[in-house]
Structure formats: C-alpha cells, structure tokens
C-alpha cells in the first residue's frame, strides 16, 4: 500500500503540472464548497444568532465537513483497492491530482501578468480579484502585481506543499481533509461581523494544520531560491525578521521568503469588504516591484514544489523499505 500511495502521489503531481486543475462541476473542492455553503445556511437557520450560538454552529459545521470530506474518499478508495490494486492506484492518483494546485496557481497569476503587460489595468484588477480576498477596485499596477506575488507565495504552502505533506502522511484521504479545512477557512474564516464567531473554529483549525507545513515551505523556498540564483541570503534574513508580521501565524512565512528572494516589499495596508486593515510591510524595497516579479514568483513556487515532491516521495520509499 505504501508503494501504491507513493505512485499515486507522484503521478498526481505530474498530472497537475501537465493538465492543471480541471474545471468541472463535480470537482471535489467545488463539492466541498457546496457542502460548506449548504451547511452554513442550514446551521444559521437552527442556532440562535448569538456569539455562543454562532460559535457552536461553526464547530458543528467543521466536524461535519471533515467527516464527510474524509469519509467519502476513504470509502471510495477502500472498495477500489479491495476490487483491484491498479484500480485503487488509479482512483487515488486522480484524487491526489485534484488536491494540488501548482498549475492553476501559475495560470491564474500569469493571467494577471498578461493583462498588465497589455496595459489593461482594469482587466488585471478583475484577474487578481479571482485569486485574492482583498478589494481590488482601487489597486494600481504595483498593487496588483504585489497582490499576485503575495498569493503565489502564500499558496505555495496552502495549495501545494501542505497537501503534499499531508498526502505523504495519510494518502489522498488526508489530502482531502486538509483541503476541506483550507476551503472552510477561505469561505468563512473572516474576522468581520458575519464570520467572527461562526468562522472562528474553521480559522483556528486552519492555522493549526498549516503551522508546520508553512514553516517547512519557507525553508524549502529559501533553498529553492538559491538553486534559482535569487537572493537566498536576503530571503533567509527577511524570513527571520518578518515571518510574524501578519495576523495569521502562517501567511507571512512564505510571503517573507518571497519578498526577500525577489528583493521587494510586499504586504502593507489593504481593504477587505470596503474596510481598511492596517498591515505592516514585509521585506525591503531594494528594487522596485516589476511585472516580471510574478514570473519569478511562479518559478520559485515550482522549484519549491519539485523539491518538496522529491523529499516526500523519498520519505515514502524509505518508510516502505523499512516496513
């Protein structure tokens, strides 16, 4: 089974690189999102609209989503492997493929780059709004570029390295559970009036499951920056200095490395749902932000992902040999 999980993880990663994230209605992440939306609506209709009522309702939603998101692939894989090991590997490969987002992250961020290069600022604002949570209506070209680079940096961990780590530990089932937690955080983990209580459990759980992966991602990204000829020394320095300059305990880990490696300044104040949030800057303005920083960010993301894959597969193979 260890060999089967290893093969599924490796091929799933390659499928993501070759084909990108498939866009269809029955994509597992979309199904998770639909489940979360339906549960939120149902639970809000049952529990009182009080601080404790919303908090308890949010906890129940988290538990239900985790059970369903882990239980369904577990059942599918159990019967697939029971029927035929090759069918099991094929099914698990597809699930692993769905859980990784390196190619879609690059594609989405490069759409922003293409719009900027054409001088289509309005189009770039629309493109970047699809991959960030902040308001983008008033961003200039520098702000748009920074937003794209920041989301590539953060999602290097959330969308690629963390899923790889969890699938190395527990196969596609752990990958699905992780992505369910991550999806809940992206949908309800806001600190606004609507979600400050209801989304608290999802946000805290997301912080917990990403705590170690985000720090592993930062370390791998520093090493990757050295291999790519970027400023790895500055990446390490900025990471040590700025890795905690974020409301989230994890987001600034890879963002600080990215800022240091590219020698630019990221973060700063941003608007969310029309409200200004004061944020510290991450990195130093050693050079001006350029559109090509989006390309460099993607190169660094890919190199980090490949290093992570080699390590993860190596660990799986080593464990398989020992067992």
C-alpha atoms as a PDB file:
ATOM      1  CA  UNK A   1       0.000   0.000   0.000  1.00  0.00           C
ATOM      2  CA  UNK A   2       2.885   2.366   0.697  1.00  0.00           C
ATOM      3  CA  UNK A   3       4.153   1.801  -2.835  1.00  0.00           C
ATOM      4  CA  UNK A   4       0.637   2.371  -4.185  1.00  0.00           C
ATOM      5  CA  UNK A   5       0.298   5.666  -2.262  1.00  0.00           C
ATOM      6  CA  UNK A   6       3.738   6.753  -3.476  1.00  0.00           C
ATOM      7  CA  UNK A   7       2.920   6.062  -7.115  1.00  0.00           C
ATOM      8  CA  UNK A   8      -0.441   7.837  -6.825  1.00  0.00           C
ATOM      9  CA  UNK A   9       1.143  10.918  -5.252  1.00  0.00           C
ATOM     10  CA  UNK A  10       3.920  11.145  -7.853  1.00  0.00           C
ATOM     11  CA  UNK A  11       1.640  10.692 -10.858  1.00  0.00           C
ATOM     12  CA  UNK A  12      -0.969  13.039  -9.379  1.00  0.00           C
ATOM     13  CA  UNK A  13       1.679  15.744  -9.093  1.00  0.00           C
ATOM     14  CA  UNK A  14       2.725  15.216 -12.724  1.00  0.00           C
ATOM     15  CA  UNK A  15      -0.899  15.365 -13.900  1.00  0.00           C
ATOM     16  CA  UNK A  16      -1.311  18.713 -12.185  1.00  0.00           C
ATOM     17  CA  UNK A  17       1.824  20.047 -13.880  1.00  0.00           C
ATOM     18  CA  UNK A  18       0.714  18.797 -17.303  1.00  0.00           C
ATOM     19  CA  UNK A  19      -3.028  19.447 -17.307  1.00  0.00           C
ATOM     20  CA  UNK A  20      -3.669  21.897 -14.499  1.00  0.00           C
ATOM     21  CA  UNK A  21      -6.741  21.872 -12.299  1.00  0.00           C
ATOM     22  CA  UNK A  22      -9.764  20.562 -14.253  1.00  0.00           C
ATOM     23  CA  UNK A  23     -12.746  22.905 -14.377  1.00  0.00           C
ATOM     24  CA  UNK A  24     -15.925  20.900 -13.934  1.00  0.00           C
ATOM     25  CA  UNK A  25     -18.927  20.841 -11.601  1.00  0.00           C
ATOM     26  CA  UNK A  26     -18.022  17.627  -9.752  1.00  0.00           C
ATOM     27  CA  UNK A  27     -14.530  18.735  -8.763  1.00  0.00           C
ATOM     28  CA  UNK A  28     -14.044  17.635  -5.116  1.00  0.00           C
ATOM     29  CA  UNK A  29     -13.103  21.151  -3.982  1.00  0.00           C
ATOM     30  CA  UNK A  30     -16.282  22.530  -5.563  1.00  0.00           C
ATOM     31  CA  UNK A  31     -18.308  19.823  -3.852  1.00  0.00           C
ATOM     32  CA  UNK A  32     -16.673  20.751  -0.558  1.00  0.00           C
ATOM     33  CA  UNK A  33     -17.544  24.388  -1.177  1.00  0.00           C
ATOM     34  CA  UNK A  34     -21.143  23.486  -1.942  1.00  0.00           C
ATOM     35  CA  UNK A  35     -21.355  21.400   1.225  1.00  0.00           C
ATOM     36  CA  UNK A  36     -19.931  24.241   3.318  1.00  0.00           C
ATOM     37  CA  UNK A  37     -22.390  26.771   1.859  1.00  0.00           C
ATOM     38  CA  UNK A  38     -25.364  24.441   2.415  1.00  0.00           C
ATOM     39  CA  UNK A  39     -24.331  23.651   5.981  1.00  0.00           C
ATOM     40  CA  UNK A  40     -23.775  27.297   6.824  1.00  0.00           C
ATOM     41  CA  UNK A  41     -27.252  28.192   5.622  1.00  0.00           C
ATOM     42  CA  UNK A  42     -28.856  25.274   7.470  1.00  0.00           C
ATOM     43  CA  UNK A  43     -26.948  25.781  10.725  1.00  0.00           C
ATOM     44  CA  UNK A  44     -27.576  29.527  10.815  1.00  0.00           C
ATOM     45  CA  UNK A  45     -31.267  28.754  10.479  1.00  0.00           C
ATOM     46  CA  UNK A  46     -31.187  26.444  13.506  1.00  0.00           C
ATOM     47  CA  UNK A  47     -28.824  28.062  16.006  1.00  0.00           C
ATOM     48  CA  UNK A  48     -29.505  31.413  17.697  1.00  0.00           C
ATOM     49  CA  UNK A  49     -27.766  34.468  16.261  1.00  0.00           C
ATOM     50  CA  UNK A  50     -25.687  34.972  19.384  1.00  0.00           C
ATOM     51  CA  UNK A  51     -21.936  34.789  19.922  1.00  0.00           C
ATOM     52  CA  UNK A  52     -22.091  31.338  21.517  1.00  0.00           C
ATOM     53  CA  UNK A  53     -24.775  30.082  19.134  1.00  0.00           C
ATOM     54  CA  UNK A  54     -22.769  31.002  16.054  1.00  0.00           C
ATOM     55  CA  UNK A  55     -19.558  29.631  17.553  1.00  0.00           C
ATOM     56  CA  UNK A  56     -21.115  26.247  18.380  1.00  0.00           C
ATOM     57  CA  UNK A  57     -22.764  26.148  14.956  1.00  0.00           C
ATOM     58  CA  UNK A  58     -19.376  26.792  13.351  1.00  0.00           C
ATOM     59  CA  UNK A  59     -17.833  23.922  15.305  1.00  0.00           C
ATOM     60  CA  UNK A  60     -20.560  21.537  14.160  1.00  0.00           C
ATOM     61  CA  UNK A  61     -20.060  22.610  10.557  1.00  0.00           C
ATOM     62  CA  UNK A  62     -16.312  21.948  10.821  1.00  0.00           C
ATOM     63  CA  UNK A  63     -16.868  18.479  12.282  1.00  0.00           C
ATOM     64  CA  UNK A  64     -19.458  17.508   9.682  1.00  0.00           C
ATOM     65  CA  UNK A  65     -17.360  18.744   6.751  1.00  0.00           C
ATOM     66  CA  UNK A  66     -14.277  16.873   7.984  1.00  0.00           C
ATOM     67  CA  UNK A  67     -16.219  13.621   8.464  1.00  0.00           C
ATOM     68  CA  UNK A  68     -17.793  13.821   5.001  1.00  0.00           C
ATOM     69  CA  UNK A  69     -14.637  15.043   3.206  1.00  0.00           C
ATOM     70  CA  UNK A  70     -12.540  12.283   4.760  1.00  0.00           C
ATOM     71  CA  UNK A  71     -15.170   9.563   4.871  1.00  0.00           C
ATOM     72  CA  UNK A  72     -16.256   9.689   1.230  1.00  0.00           C
ATOM     73  CA  UNK A  73     -12.768   9.268  -0.322  1.00  0.00           C
ATOM     74  CA  UNK A  74     -11.915   6.669   2.342  1.00  0.00           C
ATOM     75  CA  UNK A  75     -14.910   4.570   1.329  1.00  0.00           C
ATOM     76  CA  UNK A  76     -14.236   5.006  -2.398  1.00  0.00           C
ATOM     77  CA  UNK A  77     -10.588   4.029  -2.028  1.00  0.00           C
ATOM     78  CA  UNK A  78     -11.386   1.093   0.266  1.00  0.00           C
ATOM     79  CA  UNK A  79     -13.638  -0.513  -2.316  1.00  0.00           C
ATOM     80  CA  UNK A  80     -11.371   0.437  -5.238  1.00  0.00           C
ATOM     81  CA  UNK A  81      -8.292  -1.173  -3.661  1.00  0.00           C
ATOM     82  CA  UNK A  82     -10.365  -4.144  -2.496  1.00  0.00           C
ATOM     83  CA  UNK A  83     -11.512  -4.749  -6.070  1.00  0.00           C
ATOM     84  CA  UNK A  84      -8.111  -4.300  -7.727  1.00  0.00           C
ATOM     85  CA  UNK A  85      -4.873  -2.623  -6.614  1.00  0.00           C
ATOM     86  CA  UNK A  86      -4.401  -0.987 -10.008  1.00  0.00           C
ATOM     87  CA  UNK A  87      -7.898   0.496  -9.854  1.00  0.00           C
ATOM     88  CA  UNK A  88      -7.104   1.744  -6.361  1.00  0.00           C
ATOM     89  CA  UNK A  89      -3.913   3.433  -7.555  1.00  0.00           C
ATOM     90  CA  UNK A  90      -5.760   4.991 -10.491  1.00  0.00           C
ATOM     91  CA  UNK A  91      -8.519   6.397  -8.281  1.00  0.00           C
ATOM     92  CA  UNK A  92      -6.080   7.667  -5.658  1.00  0.00           C
ATOM     93  CA  UNK A  93      -3.951   9.252  -8.375  1.00  0.00           C
ATOM     94  CA  UNK A  94      -6.946  11.243  -9.612  1.00  0.00           C
ATOM     95  CA  UNK A  95      -7.813  12.377  -6.081  1.00  0.00           C
ATOM     96  CA  UNK A  96      -4.203  13.455  -5.430  1.00  0.00           C
ATOM     97  CA  UNK A  97      -4.300  15.333  -8.731  1.00  0.00           C
ATOM     98  CA  UNK A  98      -7.416  17.210  -7.608  1.00  0.00           C
ATOM     99  CA  UNK A  99      -5.811  18.217  -4.305  1.00  0.00           C
ATOM    100  CA  UNK A 100      -2.811  20.011  -5.880  1.00  0.00           C
ATOM    101  CA  UNK A 101      -2.955  23.498  -7.358  1.00  0.00           C
ATOM    102  CA  UNK A 102       0.503  24.453  -8.638  1.00  0.00           C
ATOM    103  CA  UNK A 103      -0.524  24.676 -12.278  1.00  0.00           C
ATOM    104  CA  UNK A 104      -3.783  26.539 -11.650  1.00  0.00           C
ATOM    105  CA  UNK A 105      -1.956  28.967  -9.363  1.00  0.00           C
ATOM    106  CA  UNK A 106       0.540  29.722 -12.100  1.00  0.00           C
ATOM    107  CA  UNK A 107      -2.166  30.026 -14.755  1.00  0.00           C
ATOM    108  CA  UNK A 108      -4.274  32.406 -12.667  1.00  0.00           C
ATOM    109  CA  UNK A 109      -1.377  34.638 -11.659  1.00  0.00           C
ATOM    110  CA  UNK A 110       0.019  34.720 -15.194  1.00  0.00           C
ATOM    111  CA  UNK A 111      -3.350  35.990 -16.437  1.00  0.00           C
ATOM    112  CA  UNK A 112      -2.733  38.993 -14.203  1.00  0.00           C
ATOM    113  CA  UNK A 113       0.759  39.355 -15.681  1.00  0.00           C
ATOM    114  CA  UNK A 114      -0.562  39.192 -19.256  1.00  0.00           C
ATOM    115  CA  UNK A 115      -3.180  41.872 -18.578  1.00  0.00           C
ATOM    116  CA  UNK A 116      -0.580  44.130 -17.003  1.00  0.00           C
ATOM    117  CA  UNK A 117       1.774  43.673 -19.952  1.00  0.00           C
ATOM    118  CA  UNK A 118      -1.053  44.699 -22.314  1.00  0.00           C
ATOM    119  CA  UNK A 119      -1.668  47.808 -20.232  1.00  0.00           C
ATOM    120  CA  UNK A 120      -5.143  46.544 -19.318  1.00  0.00           C
ATOM    121  CA  UNK A 121      -5.223  47.659 -15.685  1.00  0.00           C
ATOM    122  CA  UNK A 122      -8.967  47.105 -15.321  1.00  0.00           C
ATOM    123  CA  UNK A 123      -8.596  43.583 -16.684  1.00  0.00           C
ATOM    124  CA  UNK A 124      -5.681  42.948 -14.314  1.00  0.00           C
ATOM    125  CA  UNK A 125      -7.812  44.114 -11.369  1.00  0.00           C
ATOM    126  CA  UNK A 126     -10.505  41.640 -12.382  1.00  0.00           C
ATOM    127  CA  UNK A 127      -7.976  38.840 -12.869  1.00  0.00           C
ATOM    128  CA  UNK A 128      -6.319  39.385  -9.495  1.00  0.00           C
ATOM    129  CA  UNK A 129      -9.708  39.625  -7.746  1.00  0.00           C
ATOM    130  CA  UNK A 130     -10.214  35.963  -8.658  1.00  0.00           C
ATOM    131  CA  UNK A 131      -7.216  34.829  -6.596  1.00  0.00           C
ATOM    132  CA  UNK A 132      -7.112  37.227  -3.614  1.00  0.00           C
ATOM    133  CA  UNK A 133      -9.552  38.035  -0.839  1.00  0.00           C
ATOM    134  CA  UNK A 134      -8.931  41.784  -0.676  1.00  0.00           C
ATOM    135  CA  UNK A 135     -10.751  44.535  -2.533  1.00  0.00           C
ATOM    136  CA  UNK A 136      -9.037  45.230  -5.858  1.00  0.00           C
ATOM    137  CA  UNK A 137     -11.093  48.071  -7.386  1.00  0.00           C
ATOM    138  CA  UNK A 138      -8.623  50.808  -6.448  1.00  0.00           C
ATOM    139  CA  UNK A 139      -5.327  48.941  -6.867  1.00  0.00           C
ATOM    140  CA  UNK A 140      -2.786  50.461  -9.242  1.00  0.00           C
ATOM    141  CA  UNK A 141      -0.440  48.319 -11.328  1.00  0.00           C
ATOM    142  CA  UNK A 142       2.100  47.994  -8.497  1.00  0.00           C
ATOM    143  CA  UNK A 143      -0.607  46.995  -6.022  1.00  0.00           C
ATOM    144  CA  UNK A 144      -1.962  44.426  -8.473  1.00  0.00           C
ATOM    145  CA  UNK A 145       1.499  42.958  -9.033  1.00  0.00           C
ATOM    146  CA  UNK A 146       2.157  42.745  -5.295  1.00  0.00           C
ATOM    147  CA  UNK A 147      -1.198  41.061  -4.703  1.00  0.00           C
ATOM    148  CA  UNK A 148      -0.436  38.435  -7.347  1.00  0.00           C
ATOM    149  CA  UNK A 149       3.054  37.763  -5.956  1.00  0.00           C
ATOM    150  CA  UNK A 150       1.693  37.528  -2.408  1.00  0.00           C
ATOM    151  CA  UNK A 151      -0.972  34.985  -3.326  1.00  0.00           C
ATOM    152  CA  UNK A 152       1.590  32.845  -5.192  1.00  0.00           C
ATOM    153  CA  UNK A 153       3.797  32.957  -2.094  1.00  0.00           C
ATOM    154  CA  UNK A 154       1.029  32.071   0.363  1.00  0.00           C
ATOM    155  CA  UNK A 155      -0.474  29.370  -1.827  1.00  0.00           C
ATOM    156  CA  UNK A 156       2.901  27.742  -2.392  1.00  0.00           C
ATOM    157  CA  UNK A 157       2.259  26.364   1.064  1.00  0.00           C
ATOM    158  CA  UNK A 158      -1.552  26.127   1.172  1.00  0.00           C
ATOM    159  CA  UNK A 159      -2.078  24.901  -2.378  1.00  0.00           C
ATOM    160  CA  UNK A 160       0.975  22.738  -2.998  1.00  0.00           C
ATOM    161  CA  UNK A 161       3.407  21.922  -0.183  1.00  0.00           C
ATOM    162  CA  UNK A 162       0.899  21.360   2.636  1.00  0.00           C
ATOM    163  CA  UNK A 163      -1.270  18.975   0.548  1.00  0.00           C
ATOM    164  CA  UNK A 164       1.883  17.093  -0.456  1.00  0.00           C
ATOM    165  CA  UNK A 165       2.894  16.744   3.182  1.00  0.00           C
ATOM    166  CA  UNK A 166      -0.499  15.511   4.328  1.00  0.00           C
ATOM    167  CA  UNK A 167      -0.825  13.085   1.418  1.00  0.00           C
ATOM    168  CA  UNK A 168       2.636  11.761   2.263  1.00  0.00           C
ATOM    169  CA  UNK A 169       1.389  11.050   5.788  1.00  0.00           C
ATOM    170  CA  UNK A 170      -2.085   9.727   5.083  1.00  0.00           C
ATOM    171  CA  UNK A 171      -2.588   9.369   1.350  1.00  0.00           C
ATOM    172  CA  UNK A 172      -5.368  11.028  -0.605  1.00  0.00           C
ATOM    173  CA  UNK A 173      -7.763  10.864   2.374  1.00  0.00           C
ATOM    174  CA  UNK A 174      -5.562  13.182   4.451  1.00  0.00           C
ATOM    175  CA  UNK A 175      -5.200  15.403   1.396  1.00  0.00           C
ATOM    176  CA  UNK A 176      -8.985  15.727   1.154  1.00  0.00           C
ATOM    177  CA  UNK A 177      -9.339  16.500   4.845  1.00  0.00           C
ATOM    178  CA  UNK A 178      -6.655  19.162   4.621  1.00  0.00           C
ATOM    179  CA  UNK A 179      -8.254  20.796   1.563  1.00  0.00           C
ATOM    180  CA  UNK A 180     -11.655  20.742   3.281  1.00  0.00           C
ATOM    181  CA  UNK A 181     -10.196  22.629   6.249  1.00  0.00           C
ATOM    182  CA  UNK A 182      -8.429  25.060   3.943  1.00  0.00           C
ATOM    183  CA  UNK A 183     -11.606  25.619   1.911  1.00  0.00           C
ATOM    184  CA  UNK A 184     -13.650  26.283   5.048  1.00  0.00           C
ATOM    185  CA  UNK A 185     -11.134  28.892   6.138  1.00  0.00           C
ATOM    186  CA  UNK A 186     -11.243  30.611   2.745  1.00  0.00           C
ATOM    187  CA  UNK A 187     -15.056  30.713   2.845  1.00  0.00           C
ATOM    188  CA  UNK A 188     -15.902  31.503   6.469  1.00  0.00           C
ATOM    189  CA  UNK A 189     -12.617  32.302   8.213  1.00  0.00           C
ATOM    190  CA  UNK A 190     -13.033  36.081   8.087  1.00  0.00           C
ATOM    191  CA  UNK A 191     -12.838  38.440  11.054  1.00  0.00           C
ATOM    192  CA  UNK A 192     -15.821  40.533  10.023  1.00  0.00           C
ATOM    193  CA  UNK A 193     -19.209  40.831  11.728  1.00  0.00           C
ATOM    194  CA  UNK A 194     -20.691  37.939   9.741  1.00  0.00           C
ATOM    195  CA  UNK A 195     -17.979  35.361  10.414  1.00  0.00           C
ATOM    196  CA  UNK A 196     -16.052  36.468  13.504  1.00  0.00           C
ATOM    197  CA  UNK A 197     -17.896  33.862  15.609  1.00  0.00           C
ATOM    198  CA  UNK A 198     -19.231  31.356  13.084  1.00  0.00           C
ATOM    199  CA  UNK A 199     -15.893  31.003  11.275  1.00  0.00           C
ATOM    200  CA  UNK A 200     -13.645  31.054  14.322  1.00  0.00           C
ATOM    201  CA  UNK A 201     -13.309  27.261  14.639  1.00  0.00           C
ATOM    202  CA  UNK A 202     -12.517  26.872  10.936  1.00  0.00           C
ATOM    203  CA  UNK A 203      -9.917  29.653  11.056  1.00  0.00           C
ATOM    204  CA  UNK A 204      -8.193  28.295  14.169  1.00  0.00           C
ATOM    205  CA  UNK A 205      -8.117  24.760  12.780  1.00  0.00           C
ATOM    206  CA  UNK A 206      -6.637  26.033   9.511  1.00  0.00           C
ATOM    207  CA  UNK A 207      -3.938  27.859  11.489  1.00  0.00           C
ATOM    208  CA  UNK A 208      -3.152  24.640  13.355  1.00  0.00           C
ATOM    209  CA  UNK A 209      -2.906  22.313  10.338  1.00  0.00           C
ATOM    210  CA  UNK A 210      -0.769  24.830   8.435  1.00  0.00           C
ATOM    211  CA  UNK A 211       1.593  25.707  11.275  1.00  0.00           C
ATOM    212  CA  UNK A 212       4.284  23.130  10.479  1.00  0.00           C
ATOM    213  CA  UNK A 213       3.752  22.928   6.673  1.00  0.00           C
ATOM    214  CA  UNK A 214       4.104  26.701   6.282  1.00  0.00           C
ATOM    215  CA  UNK A 215       7.447  26.653   8.059  1.00  0.00           C
ATOM    216  CA  UNK A 216       8.656  23.673   6.054  1.00  0.00           C
ATOM    217  CA  UNK A 217       7.551  25.518   2.908  1.00  0.00           C
ATOM    218  CA  UNK A 218       9.530  28.593   3.926  1.00  0.00           C
ATOM    219  CA  UNK A 219      12.683  26.555   4.458  1.00  0.00           C
ATOM    220  CA  UNK A 220      12.295  24.755   1.135  1.00  0.00           C
ATOM    221  CA  UNK A 221      11.608  28.060  -0.615  1.00  0.00           C
ATOM    222  CA  UNK A 222      14.852  29.542   0.719  1.00  0.00           C
ATOM    223  CA  UNK A 223      16.743  26.543  -0.647  1.00  0.00           C
ATOM    224  CA  UNK A 224      14.875  26.801  -3.961  1.00  0.00           C
ATOM    225  CA  UNK A 225      15.760  30.497  -4.248  1.00  0.00           C
ATOM    226  CA  UNK A 226      19.434  29.567  -4.002  1.00  0.00           C
ATOM    227  CA  UNK A 227      19.087  26.977  -6.778  1.00  0.00           C
ATOM    228  CA  UNK A 228      17.391  29.567  -8.996  1.00  0.00           C
ATOM    229  CA  UNK A 229      20.064  32.197  -8.430  1.00  0.00           C
ATOM    230  CA  UNK A 230      17.759  34.500  -6.478  1.00  0.00           C
ATOM    231  CA  UNK A 231      18.823  36.320  -3.311  1.00  0.00           C
ATOM    232  CA  UNK A 232      18.660  33.399  -0.871  1.00  0.00           C
ATOM    233  CA  UNK A 233      20.640  35.241   1.811  1.00  0.00           C
ATOM    234  CA  UNK A 234      18.183  38.111   1.806  1.00  0.00           C
ATOM    235  CA  UNK A 235      15.309  35.608   1.710  1.00  0.00           C
ATOM    236  CA  UNK A 236      16.625  33.990   4.892  1.00  0.00           C
ATOM    237  CA  UNK A 237      17.203  37.374   6.545  1.00  0.00           C
ATOM    238  CA  UNK A 238      13.741  38.746   5.725  1.00  0.00           C
ATOM    239  CA  UNK A 239      12.154  35.462   6.821  1.00  0.00           C
ATOM    240  CA  UNK A 240      13.800  35.677  10.233  1.00  0.00           C
ATOM    241  CA  UNK A 241      12.816  39.337  10.583  1.00  0.00           C
ATOM    242  CA  UNK A 242       9.312  39.457   9.063  1.00  0.00           C
ATOM    243  CA  UNK A 243       7.863  35.932   9.297  1.00  0.00           C
ATOM    244  CA  UNK A 244       5.487  37.004  12.073  1.00  0.00           C
ATOM    245  CA  UNK A 245       4.321  40.288  10.565  1.00  0.00           C
ATOM    246  CA  UNK A 246       0.844  39.005   9.779  1.00  0.00           C
ATOM    247  CA  UNK A 247      -2.425  38.454  11.627  1.00  0.00           C
ATOM    248  CA  UNK A 248      -2.155  34.794  10.629  1.00  0.00           C
ATOM    249  CA  UNK A 249       0.663  32.827  12.291  1.00  0.00           C
ATOM    250  CA  UNK A 250       1.442  31.191   8.943  1.00  0.00           C
ATOM    251  CA  UNK A 251       0.822  33.503   5.969  1.00  0.00           C
ATOM    252  CA  UNK A 252       3.978  35.589   6.365  1.00  0.00           C
ATOM    253  CA  UNK A 253       6.233  32.536   6.412  1.00  0.00           C
ATOM    254  CA  UNK A 254       6.451  32.057   2.651  1.00  0.00           C
ATOM    255  CA  UNK A 255       5.498  35.665   1.904  1.00  0.00           C
ATOM    256  CA  UNK A 256       8.568  36.926   3.760  1.00  0.00           C
ATOM    257  CA  UNK A 257      10.822  34.480   1.899  1.00  0.00           C
ATOM    258  CA  UNK A 258       9.329  35.564  -1.426  1.00  0.00           C
ATOM    259  CA  UNK A 259       9.841  39.254  -0.609  1.00  0.00           C
ATOM    260  CA  UNK A 260      13.448  38.618   0.383  1.00  0.00           C
ATOM    261  CA  UNK A 261      14.281  36.418  -2.592  1.00  0.00           C
ATOM    262  CA  UNK A 262      12.842  38.958  -5.063  1.00  0.00           C
ATOM    263  CA  UNK A 263      14.266  41.893  -3.056  1.00  0.00           C
ATOM    264  CA  UNK A 264      10.937  43.720  -2.990  1.00  0.00           C
ATOM    265  CA  UNK A 265       8.499  44.946  -0.368  1.00  0.00           C
ATOM    266  CA  UNK A 266       5.139  43.209  -0.021  1.00  0.00           C
ATOM    267  CA  UNK A 267       2.025  43.484   2.185  1.00  0.00           C
ATOM    268  CA  UNK A 268       1.033  46.808   3.755  1.00  0.00           C
ATOM    269  CA  UNK A 269      -2.477  48.214   4.243  1.00  0.00           C
ATOM    270  CA  UNK A 270      -5.330  46.604   2.316  1.00  0.00           C
ATOM    271  CA  UNK A 271      -9.089  46.899   2.004  1.00  0.00           C
ATOM    272  CA  UNK A 272     -11.398  43.946   2.712  1.00  0.00           C
ATOM    273  CA  UNK A 273     -15.133  44.302   2.115  1.00  0.00           C
ATOM    274  CA  UNK A 274     -14.700  48.074   1.996  1.00  0.00           C
ATOM    275  CA  UNK A 275     -12.881  48.287   5.331  1.00  0.00           C
ATOM    276  CA  UNK A 276      -9.233  49.329   5.646  1.00  0.00           C
ATOM    277  CA  UNK A 277      -6.970  46.915   7.511  1.00  0.00           C
ATOM    278  CA  UNK A 278      -3.639  48.274   8.710  1.00  0.00           C
ATOM    279  CA  UNK A 279      -0.837  45.834   7.986  1.00  0.00           C
ATOM    280  CA  UNK A 280       2.953  46.091   8.344  1.00  0.00           C
ATOM    281  CA  UNK A 281       5.170  45.852   5.293  1.00  0.00           C
ATOM    282  CA  UNK A 282       7.112  42.652   4.648  1.00  0.00           C
ATOM    283  CA  UNK A 283      10.551  42.887   3.041  1.00  0.00           C
ATOM    284  CA  UNK A 284      12.633  45.852   1.915  1.00  0.00           C
ATOM    285  CA  UNK A 285      12.356  47.904  -1.269  1.00  0.00           C
ATOM    286  CA  UNK A 286      15.812  47.015  -2.526  1.00  0.00           C
ATOM    287  CA  UNK A 287      14.336  47.187  -6.024  1.00  0.00           C
ATOM    288  CA  UNK A 288      11.052  48.438  -7.432  1.00  0.00           C
ATOM    289  CA  UNK A 289       8.209  45.990  -7.913  1.00  0.00           C
ATOM    290  CA  UNK A 290       8.063  44.882 -11.562  1.00  0.00           C
ATOM    291  CA  UNK A 291       5.507  42.890 -13.525  1.00  0.00           C
ATOM    292  CA  UNK A 292       8.122  40.184 -14.114  1.00  0.00           C
ATOM    293  CA  UNK A 293       8.167  39.524 -10.359  1.00  0.00           C
ATOM    294  CA  UNK A 294       5.016  37.474 -10.967  1.00  0.00           C
ATOM    295  CA  UNK A 295       7.004  35.219 -13.320  1.00  0.00           C
ATOM    296  CA  UNK A 296       9.857  34.913 -10.827  1.00  0.00           C
ATOM    297  CA  UNK A 297       7.366  34.102  -8.054  1.00  0.00           C
ATOM    298  CA  UNK A 298       5.965  31.239 -10.104  1.00  0.00           C
ATOM    299  CA  UNK A 299       9.428  29.889 -10.898  1.00  0.00           C
ATOM    300  CA  UNK A 300      10.200  29.890  -7.180  1.00  0.00           C
ATOM    301  CA  UNK A 301       6.886  28.199  -6.403  1.00  0.00           C
ATOM    302  CA  UNK A 302       7.546  25.433  -8.936  1.00  0.00           C
ATOM    303  CA  UNK A 303      11.105  24.806  -7.787  1.00  0.00           C
ATOM    304  CA  UNK A 304       9.922  24.629  -4.175  1.00  0.00           C
ATOM    305  CA  UNK A 305       7.175  22.177  -5.180  1.00  0.00           C
ATOM    306  CA  UNK A 306       9.586  19.898  -7.042  1.00  0.00           C
ATOM    307  CA  UNK A 307      11.979  19.825  -4.080  1.00  0.00           C
ATOM    308  CA  UNK A 308       9.083  19.034  -1.751  1.00  0.00           C
ATOM    309  CA  UNK A 309       7.874  16.231  -4.030  1.00  0.00           C
ATOM    310  CA  UNK A 310      11.324  14.620  -4.189  1.00  0.00           C
ATOM    311  CA  UNK A 311      11.598  14.716  -0.393  1.00  0.00           C
ATOM    312  CA  UNK A 312       8.065  13.409   0.148  1.00  0.00           C
ATOM    313  CA  UNK A 313       8.497  10.545  -2.313  1.00  0.00           C
ATOM    314  CA  UNK A 314      11.883   9.764  -0.772  1.00  0.00           C
ATOM    315  CA  UNK A 315      10.308   9.533   2.662  1.00  0.00           C
ATOM    316  CA  UNK A 316       7.532   7.276   1.400  1.00  0.00           C
ATOM    317  CA  UNK A 317      10.001   4.968  -0.340  1.00  0.00           C
ATOM    318  CA  UNK A 318      12.267   4.865   2.738  1.00  0.00           C
ATOM    319  CA  UNK A 319       9.334   4.002   5.006  1.00  0.00           C
ATOM    320  CA  UNK A 320       8.236   1.332   2.530  1.00  0.00           C
ATOM    321  CA  UNK A 321      11.704  -0.252   2.570  1.00  0.00           C
ATOM    322  CA  UNK A 322      11.801  -0.306   6.378  1.00  0.00           C
ATOM    323  CA  UNK A 323       8.309  -1.743   6.690  1.00  0.00           C
END
